[in-house]
Amino acid sequence: MAQNVTAIIGALAFASSVVHAVNIHCRKPSGEVGAAFALTNAPDDNKVIAFSRDRTGKLTQTGEYSTGGKGQGVDFDTQGGLQLSRDHRFLYAISPSDDRVSVFSVSGSCLERIQVIYGGDQPLSITLNERFAYVLDGSVATTGIRGYEVGRDGKLAAIGNTTIPTSTPIGVPGTIQFSPDGKGLIVTNKVGSTIDFFNIDRNGEATGPITISASSGNRPFGAQFREDGTLFVVESGLPVFTNAAVSTYHVDTSTGALKPITKSEKNQQTDGCWVILAGRKQQFAFTANFVSGTIASYTVSPNGAVSILKDVAANPGIDSNPVDLAVSADGAFLYDLLRGTGAVQGWAVENDGSLRNLGVFGRGQGLPVNNGASGLTAF
């Protein structure tokens, strides 16, 4: 019994431990105006690959940083495994195989790991605002959400010590996203095609799901809220090919009700999994379509409605396996993690929503090829 108690105390100590592991020789390149970060998801040592961004949008790899955790070597199959704080001071990385969330302090493209904390049973996605963070767990045994308070130093402190179940243990969740007002969060369920809404109180505690809404299309996957509260959801459309789409919703955070604005605007691509808003006024939406190897584009109206702009706005290639999308802080540059080729591709977002290719970055420099790289964020 004493040994068990000792083991439990040791596990709890590690869960809140502070770990310093930084490349002290990191120097930001001259001309750096932003950065991008990608996650290897490697099972032996999950790492963040750091890139410096210049004013033209081009990336230069600057370093590799261990999360102190282990990836799973296959796709997260979720959106949001790597997230920046809104002020770009902290970076949060998921390590599913040993149930960890790592926190880094950020200085341009330089990182310092400051915390490794228990993230629940197989964490797959994280969402945060200025005060709280929630992790989406998606193991066979436990599918649910876990809450944390975010300190001024960026570190996480668990809210309680339980995982709150989603509406179904077999939903195969796609993402977790805070509403902009902080009063709720959503989880997409690919199996069953539903969207859960959880209420968040002033102390950060979640209840619910208080509503379970039917998705407008089949297999809702990635999602993003616009600052006005409009929810954008990409639907993979599987098992039907060329059935990927985007739907938008007005979300009443007092009741959790989702009211469709645009229902399943198709792009004729297959397996749309990630969605992001771009352009200086978030007037465009882009989806990464895993099976097709393409990026589709949409125009976004002020009321939140979307219309297809180009079924194929960019074509990284059938073997590129495009996964996570990210944009620069000003919305002018779009980046995509290419799991198949182990690289990040970038584009400038033109005024008409077209994409101007900036090149492929980081190939052969740390990202695994066709081996599960998951997670991308930028500023």
Protein backbone atom coordinates (compact mmCIF):
# COMPACT_ATOMS: atom_id res chain seq x y z
CA MET A 1 0.00 0.00 0.00
CA ALA A 2 2.84 2.39 0.89
CA GLN A 3 4.40 1.79 -2.51
CA ASN A 4 1.10 2.62 -4.22
CA VAL A 5 0.79 5.86 -2.25
CA THR A 6 4.35 6.79 -3.16
CA ALA A 7 3.65 6.11 -6.82
CA ILE A 8 0.51 8.25 -6.76
CA ILE A 9 2.32 11.14 -5.07
CA GLY A 10 5.10 10.89 -7.63
CA ALA A 11 2.64 10.96 -10.51
CA LEU A 12 0.89 14.01 -9.08
CA ALA A 13 4.21 15.78 -8.63
CA PHE A 14 5.15 15.14 -12.25
CA ALA A 15 1.72 16.29 -13.44
CA SER A 16 2.37 19.80 -12.15
CA SER A 17 6.14 19.86 -12.60
CA VAL A 18 7.96 22.75 -14.15
CA VAL A 19 10.56 21.68 -16.69
CA HIS A 20 13.09 23.99 -18.29
CA ALA A 21 14.48 22.76 -21.60
CA VAL A 22 15.43 25.43 -24.08
CA ASN A 23 17.94 25.95 -26.83
CA ILE A 24 19.83 28.74 -25.09
CA HIS A 25 21.59 29.55 -28.35
CA CYS A 26 18.36 30.34 -30.18
CA ARG A 27 18.67 33.57 -32.11
CA LYS A 28 15.85 35.07 -34.08
CA PRO A 29 16.86 35.79 -37.68
CA SER A 30 17.07 39.41 -38.74
CA GLY A 31 13.85 40.48 -40.43
CA GLU A 32 11.67 38.19 -38.33
CA VAL A 33 8.13 39.55 -37.98
CA GLY A 34 6.31 36.38 -36.93
CA ALA A 35 6.63 32.63 -36.49
CA ALA A 36 5.02 29.28 -37.19
CA PHE A 37 5.19 26.08 -35.17
CA ALA A 38 4.51 22.48 -36.23
CA LEU A 39 4.28 19.31 -34.13
CA THR A 40 6.05 16.09 -35.14
CA ASN A 41 3.78 13.77 -33.10
CA ALA A 42 6.74 11.36 -32.97
CA PRO A 43 6.22 8.42 -30.61
CA ASP A 44 9.75 8.46 -29.17
CA ASP A 45 10.10 12.20 -28.57
CA ASN A 46 7.34 14.55 -29.64
CA LYS A 47 8.86 17.84 -30.81
CA VAL A 48 7.81 21.31 -31.85
CA ILE A 49 9.50 22.49 -35.05
CA ALA A 50 9.91 26.27 -35.01
CA PHE A 51 9.95 28.55 -38.07
CA SER A 52 10.71 32.25 -38.35
CA ARG A 53 8.47 34.29 -40.68
CA ASP A 54 9.66 37.31 -42.64
CA ARG A 55 7.49 40.13 -43.96
CA THR A 56 6.96 38.32 -47.29
CA GLY A 57 5.46 35.30 -45.52
CA LYS A 58 8.37 32.96 -46.16
CA LEU A 59 9.47 30.62 -43.37
CA THR A 60 12.91 29.61 -42.15
CA GLN A 61 13.28 26.71 -39.72
CA THR A 62 15.05 27.87 -36.56
CA GLY A 63 14.88 25.04 -34.06
CA GLU A 64 13.43 21.84 -32.62
CA TYR A 65 12.05 21.66 -29.07
CA SER A 66 11.09 18.52 -27.20
CA THR A 67 7.67 18.58 -25.57
CA GLY A 68 8.86 16.15 -22.91
CA GLY A 69 6.07 13.86 -24.08
CA LYS A 70 5.35 11.21 -26.69
CA GLY A 71 3.25 11.48 -29.82
CA GLN A 72 1.40 8.58 -31.34
CA GLY A 73 2.97 8.38 -34.80
CA VAL A 74 -0.41 8.53 -36.55
CA ASP A 75 -2.64 11.54 -37.13
CA PHE A 76 -4.41 13.05 -34.14
CA ASP A 77 -7.48 13.02 -36.41
CA THR A 78 -8.43 16.29 -34.73
CA GLN A 79 -7.93 20.03 -35.20
CA GLY A 80 -6.11 22.00 -32.50
CA GLY A 81 -3.27 19.83 -31.18
CA LEU A 82 -0.94 22.84 -31.08
CA GLN A 83 -2.22 26.24 -29.97
CA LEU A 84 -0.86 29.71 -29.25
CA SER A 85 -2.25 32.02 -26.60
CA ARG A 86 -4.01 35.04 -28.03
CA ASP A 87 -1.11 37.33 -27.13
CA HIS A 88 1.38 34.86 -28.70
CA ARG A 89 3.36 34.61 -25.44
CA PHE A 90 2.69 30.92 -24.80
CA LEU A 91 2.42 27.74 -26.86
CA TYR A 92 0.50 24.61 -25.85
CA ALA A 93 1.33 21.19 -27.32
CA ILE A 94 -0.47 17.87 -27.02
CA SER A 95 1.32 14.53 -26.54
CA PRO A 96 -1.33 11.78 -26.74
CA SER A 97 0.69 8.63 -26.07
CA ASP A 98 1.69 9.57 -22.54
CA ASP A 99 -1.23 11.88 -21.77
CA ARG A 100 0.70 15.15 -21.53
CA VAL A 101 0.20 18.80 -22.35
CA SER A 102 3.37 20.89 -22.63
CA VAL A 103 3.56 24.66 -22.20
CA PHE A 104 6.26 26.81 -23.80
CA SER A 105 7.04 30.47 -23.38
CA VAL A 106 7.41 32.15 -26.78
CA SER A 107 9.84 34.83 -27.91
CA GLY A 108 9.42 35.15 -31.65
CA SER A 109 10.46 31.80 -33.10
CA CYS A 110 12.37 30.85 -29.91
CA LEU A 111 10.75 28.60 -27.30
CA GLU A 112 11.35 27.60 -23.69
CA ARG A 113 9.47 24.70 -22.17
CA ILE A 114 8.09 25.74 -18.78
CA GLN A 115 5.57 23.03 -17.86
CA VAL A 116 4.48 19.47 -18.58
CA ILE A 117 1.11 18.54 -17.09
CA TYR A 118 -1.29 15.59 -17.20
CA GLY A 119 -3.87 16.15 -19.95
CA GLY A 120 -6.28 13.27 -19.39
CA ASP A 121 -6.55 9.97 -21.22
CA GLN A 122 -5.15 10.54 -24.74
CA PRO A 123 -5.45 14.32 -25.18
CA LEU A 124 -6.02 15.26 -28.83
CA SER A 125 -6.97 18.94 -28.98
CA ILE A 126 -6.80 22.02 -26.78
CA THR A 127 -8.67 25.34 -26.76
CA LEU A 128 -7.99 28.35 -24.58
CA ASN A 129 -8.86 31.94 -23.85
CA GLU A 130 -7.25 34.43 -21.50
CA ARG A 131 -8.41 32.65 -18.33
CA PHE A 132 -9.13 29.01 -19.06
CA ALA A 133 -8.14 26.07 -21.23
CA TYR A 134 -9.94 22.85 -22.06
CA VAL A 135 -8.44 19.66 -23.42
CA LEU A 136 -10.35 17.15 -25.53
CA ASP A 137 -9.58 13.54 -24.62
CA GLY A 138 -10.39 10.83 -27.13
CA SER A 139 -9.21 7.43 -25.94
CA VAL A 140 -11.25 4.26 -26.32
CA ALA A 141 -11.87 4.33 -22.57
CA THR A 142 -12.59 8.04 -22.10
CA THR A 143 -14.01 10.61 -24.51
CA GLY A 144 -14.51 13.93 -22.79
CA ILE A 145 -13.12 17.31 -21.77
CA ARG A 146 -10.83 18.48 -18.93
CA GLY A 147 -10.55 22.04 -17.68
CA TYR A 148 -7.59 24.17 -16.56
CA GLU A 149 -7.04 27.67 -15.26
CA VAL A 150 -4.43 29.62 -17.22
CA GLY A 151 -2.05 31.57 -15.00
CA ARG A 152 -0.46 34.87 -15.88
CA ASP A 153 2.74 32.91 -16.43
CA GLY A 154 0.95 30.73 -18.99
CA LYS A 155 1.03 27.62 -16.83
CA LEU A 156 -2.01 25.39 -16.39
CA ALA A 157 -3.70 24.39 -13.13
CA ALA A 158 -6.38 21.70 -13.29
CA ILE A 159 -9.98 22.65 -12.53
CA GLY A 160 -11.03 19.63 -10.49
CA ASN A 161 -9.59 16.30 -11.51
CA THR A 162 -12.24 14.72 -13.71
CA THR A 163 -13.04 14.27 -17.36
CA ILE A 164 -16.53 15.41 -18.32
CA PRO A 165 -17.95 12.98 -20.92
CA THR A 166 -19.09 14.13 -24.32
CA SER A 167 -22.53 13.08 -25.52
CA THR A 168 -21.23 9.76 -26.86
CA PRO A 169 -18.15 7.65 -26.09
CA ILE A 170 -17.95 6.55 -29.73
CA GLY A 171 -18.33 9.97 -31.37
CA VAL A 172 -14.69 10.16 -32.57
CA PRO A 173 -14.41 13.89 -31.73
CA GLY A 174 -12.91 16.32 -34.24
CA THR A 175 -12.14 19.44 -32.22
CA ILE A 176 -12.90 21.51 -29.14
CA GLN A 177 -13.41 25.29 -29.41
CA PHE A 178 -14.19 28.06 -26.92
CA SER A 179 -16.86 30.55 -27.89
CA PRO A 180 -15.43 34.10 -28.11
CA ASP A 181 -17.41 35.27 -25.06
CA GLY A 182 -15.98 32.42 -22.97
CA LYS A 183 -19.43 31.24 -21.90
CA GLY A 184 -19.29 27.91 -23.68
CA LEU A 185 -17.42 25.53 -25.88
CA ILE A 186 -18.28 23.07 -28.62
CA VAL A 187 -17.07 19.59 -29.49
CA THR A 188 -17.69 18.05 -32.91
CA ASN A 189 -18.55 14.36 -33.14
CA LYS A 190 -17.73 12.74 -36.48
CA VAL A 191 -19.59 9.51 -35.76
CA GLY A 192 -23.26 10.40 -35.46
CA SER A 193 -22.66 13.86 -36.98
CA THR A 194 -23.48 15.96 -33.93
CA ILE A 195 -22.09 19.03 -32.16
CA ASP A 196 -22.03 19.21 -28.35
CA PHE A 197 -22.26 22.49 -26.46
CA PHE A 198 -20.94 22.82 -22.88
CA ASN A 199 -21.66 25.76 -20.59
CA ILE A 200 -18.67 27.41 -18.86
CA ASP A 201 -19.31 29.33 -15.63
CA ARG A 202 -17.31 32.27 -14.26
CA ASN A 203 -14.96 29.88 -12.44
CA GLY A 204 -14.22 27.97 -15.61
CA GLU A 205 -16.21 24.89 -14.64
CA ALA A 206 -18.02 23.12 -17.47
CA THR A 207 -21.46 21.52 -17.41
CA GLY A 208 -23.16 19.56 -20.10
CA PRO A 209 -23.33 18.96 -22.86
CA ILE A 210 -26.40 21.11 -22.38
CA THR A 211 -27.33 20.76 -26.06
CA ILE A 212 -26.53 18.16 -28.70
CA SER A 213 -27.21 19.56 -32.16
CA ALA A 214 -27.42 17.69 -35.43
CA SER A 215 -24.71 18.77 -37.87
CA SER A 216 -25.88 20.22 -41.18
CA GLY A 217 -23.58 17.80 -42.99
CA ASN A 218 -21.96 14.42 -42.55
CA ARG A 219 -19.01 13.97 -40.16
CA PRO A 220 -18.31 17.45 -38.74
CA PHE A 221 -14.58 17.69 -38.09
CA GLY A 222 -12.64 20.96 -37.62
CA ALA A 223 -14.23 24.21 -36.48
CA GLN A 224 -13.43 27.85 -35.78
CA PHE A 225 -15.38 30.68 -34.16
CA ARG A 226 -15.31 34.15 -35.69
CA GLU A 227 -14.94 36.97 -33.18
CA ASP A 228 -18.66 37.80 -33.49
CA GLY A 229 -19.56 34.25 -32.38
CA THR A 230 -20.32 32.73 -35.78
CA LEU A 231 -19.22 29.10 -35.86
CA PHE A 232 -17.59 27.65 -39.00
CA VAL A 233 -17.50 23.86 -39.28
CA VAL A 234 -15.93 21.72 -42.00
CA GLU A 235 -17.57 18.39 -42.80
CA SER A 236 -15.47 15.56 -44.21
CA GLY A 237 -18.54 14.14 -45.95
CA LEU A 238 -17.24 10.56 -45.80
CA PRO A 239 -17.97 7.82 -46.69
CA VAL A 240 -19.18 9.63 -49.83
CA PHE A 241 -16.38 10.97 -52.02
CA THR A 242 -16.43 14.62 -53.26
CA ASN A 243 -18.82 15.39 -50.41
CA ALA A 244 -16.74 17.75 -48.24
CA ALA A 245 -18.45 20.99 -47.20
CA VAL A 246 -18.56 23.95 -44.81
CA SER A 247 -21.51 24.92 -42.63
CA THR A 248 -21.92 27.99 -40.46
CA TYR A 249 -24.04 28.57 -37.36
CA HIS A 250 -25.20 31.30 -35.04
CA VAL A 251 -24.57 30.07 -31.48
CA ASP A 252 -26.70 31.23 -28.57
CA THR A 253 -24.28 30.76 -25.68
CA SER A 254 -27.02 31.28 -23.09
CA THR A 255 -28.87 28.17 -24.26
CA GLY A 256 -26.31 26.33 -26.39
CA ALA A 257 -28.65 26.38 -29.37
CA LEU A 258 -27.06 26.28 -32.85
CA LYS A 259 -28.99 27.98 -35.65
CA PRO A 260 -27.70 27.16 -39.16
CA ILE A 261 -26.75 30.05 -41.43
CA THR A 262 -25.26 28.14 -44.36
CA LYS A 263 -25.96 24.42 -44.61
CA SER A 264 -23.24 22.24 -46.13
CA GLU A 265 -21.78 24.38 -48.90
CA LYS A 266 -19.98 21.71 -50.97
CA ASN A 267 -16.52 22.03 -52.51
CA GLN A 268 -16.44 18.78 -54.55
CA GLN A 269 -13.41 17.57 -52.59
CA THR A 270 -12.96 14.49 -50.41
CA ASP A 271 -12.35 14.34 -46.66
CA GLY A 272 -12.32 18.00 -45.64
CA CYS A 273 -10.94 18.00 -42.13
CA TRP A 274 -9.48 21.41 -41.19
CA VAL A 275 -10.97 24.88 -41.58
CA ILE A 276 -9.58 28.34 -40.92
CA LEU A 277 -10.55 31.97 -41.54
CA ALA A 278 -8.07 34.22 -43.36
CA GLY A 279 -7.79 37.60 -45.02
CA ARG A 280 -7.31 40.86 -43.17
CA LYS A 281 -11.02 40.99 -42.32
CA GLN A 282 -11.54 37.20 -42.10
CA GLN A 283 -13.46 37.47 -45.34
CA PHE A 284 -12.28 34.08 -46.61
CA ALA A 285 -12.38 30.53 -45.30
CA PHE A 286 -10.11 27.70 -46.37
CA THR A 287 -10.34 23.95 -45.86
CA ALA A 288 -7.65 21.28 -46.12
CA ASN A 289 -8.95 18.18 -47.89
CA PHE A 290 -6.88 15.19 -46.84
CA VAL A 291 -7.77 12.58 -49.45
CA SER A 292 -7.94 15.02 -52.39
CA GLY A 293 -4.67 16.71 -51.41
CA THR A 294 -6.16 20.16 -52.00
CA ILE A 295 -7.14 23.44 -50.37
CA ALA A 296 -10.66 24.77 -51.06
CA SER A 297 -11.66 28.42 -50.59
CA TYR A 298 -14.86 30.21 -49.60
CA THR A 299 -16.03 33.80 -49.37
CA VAL A 300 -17.49 34.84 -46.03
CA SER A 301 -20.24 37.42 -45.78
CA PRO A 302 -20.71 39.76 -42.79
CA ASN A 303 -23.71 37.71 -41.60
CA GLY A 304 -21.60 34.52 -41.52
CA ALA A 305 -22.87 32.91 -44.71
CA VAL A 306 -20.26 31.18 -46.89
CA SER A 307 -20.15 30.60 -50.65
CA ILE A 308 -17.68 28.44 -52.52
CA LEU A 309 -14.97 30.49 -54.18
CA LYS A 310 -12.73 27.76 -55.64
CA ASP A 311 -13.05 24.02 -55.23
CA VAL A 312 -9.28 23.85 -55.69
CA ALA A 313 -7.64 27.08 -54.54
CA ALA A 314 -4.31 25.28 -54.12
CA ASN A 315 -3.10 21.80 -54.95
CA PRO A 316 -0.23 20.56 -52.75
CA GLY A 317 -0.61 17.12 -54.36
CA ILE A 318 -2.43 13.85 -53.88
CA ASP A 319 0.43 12.44 -51.77
CA SER A 320 0.90 15.56 -49.65
CA ASN A 321 -1.88 14.64 -47.17
CA PRO A 322 -2.66 18.24 -46.12
CA VAL A 323 -3.71 18.46 -42.49
CA ASP A 324 -3.61 21.41 -40.05
CA LEU A 325 -4.01 24.99 -41.30
CA ALA A 326 -2.70 28.20 -39.71
CA VAL A 327 -2.67 31.89 -40.60
CA SER A 328 -0.42 34.80 -39.70
CA ALA A 329 -1.73 37.23 -37.10
CA ASP A 330 -2.84 39.71 -39.77
CA GLY A 331 -4.57 37.02 -41.85
CA ALA A 332 -2.38 37.74 -44.87
CA PHE A 333 -0.56 34.39 -45.05
CA LEU A 334 -1.93 30.85 -44.99
CA TYR A 335 0.10 27.79 -43.99
CA ASP A 336 -0.64 24.09 -44.23
CA LEU A 337 1.10 21.13 -42.62
CA LEU A 338 1.78 18.48 -45.26
CA ARG A 339 1.83 15.20 -43.38
CA GLY A 340 2.68 13.16 -46.47
CA THR A 341 5.83 15.07 -47.40
CA GLY A 342 6.92 16.28 -43.95
CA ALA A 343 6.83 20.00 -44.66
CA VAL A 344 4.83 23.23 -44.36
CA GLN A 345 3.55 25.00 -47.45
CA GLY A 346 2.71 28.71 -47.47
CA TRP A 347 0.59 31.05 -49.56
CA ALA A 348 -0.14 34.76 -49.59
CA VAL A 349 -3.88 35.45 -49.41
CA GLU A 350 -4.63 37.95 -52.17
CA ASN A 351 -7.39 40.57 -52.01
CA ASP A 352 -9.69 38.42 -54.17
CA GLY A 353 -9.12 35.31 -52.03
CA SER A 354 -6.76 33.62 -54.46
CA LEU A 355 -3.61 32.01 -53.08
CA ARG A 356 -0.13 32.90 -54.27
CA ASN A 357 2.34 30.11 -53.62
CA LEU A 358 5.25 31.06 -51.32
CA GLY A 359 6.93 27.67 -51.39
CA VAL A 360 7.42 24.56 -49.28
CA PHE A 361 9.40 24.92 -46.05
CA GLY A 362 11.19 22.56 -43.69
CA ARG A 363 11.24 19.49 -45.90
CA GLY A 364 13.86 17.05 -44.65
CA GLN A 365 14.57 19.17 -41.55
CA GLY A 366 12.75 17.49 -38.70
CA LEU A 367 9.11 16.88 -39.65
CA PRO A 368 8.45 13.16 -40.25
CA VAL A 369 7.44 12.04 -43.73
CA ASN A 370 4.10 10.24 -43.94
CA ASN A 371 4.25 9.41 -40.26
CA GLY A 372 1.58 11.34 -38.42
CA ALA A 373 2.74 14.96 -38.07
CA SER A 374 -0.18 16.81 -36.46
CA GLY A 375 -0.58 20.36 -35.19
CA LEU A 376 0.26 23.74 -36.72
CA THR A 377 -0.10 27.31 -35.48
CA ALA A 378 1.31 30.69 -36.46
CA PHE A 379 1.35 34.42 -35.79
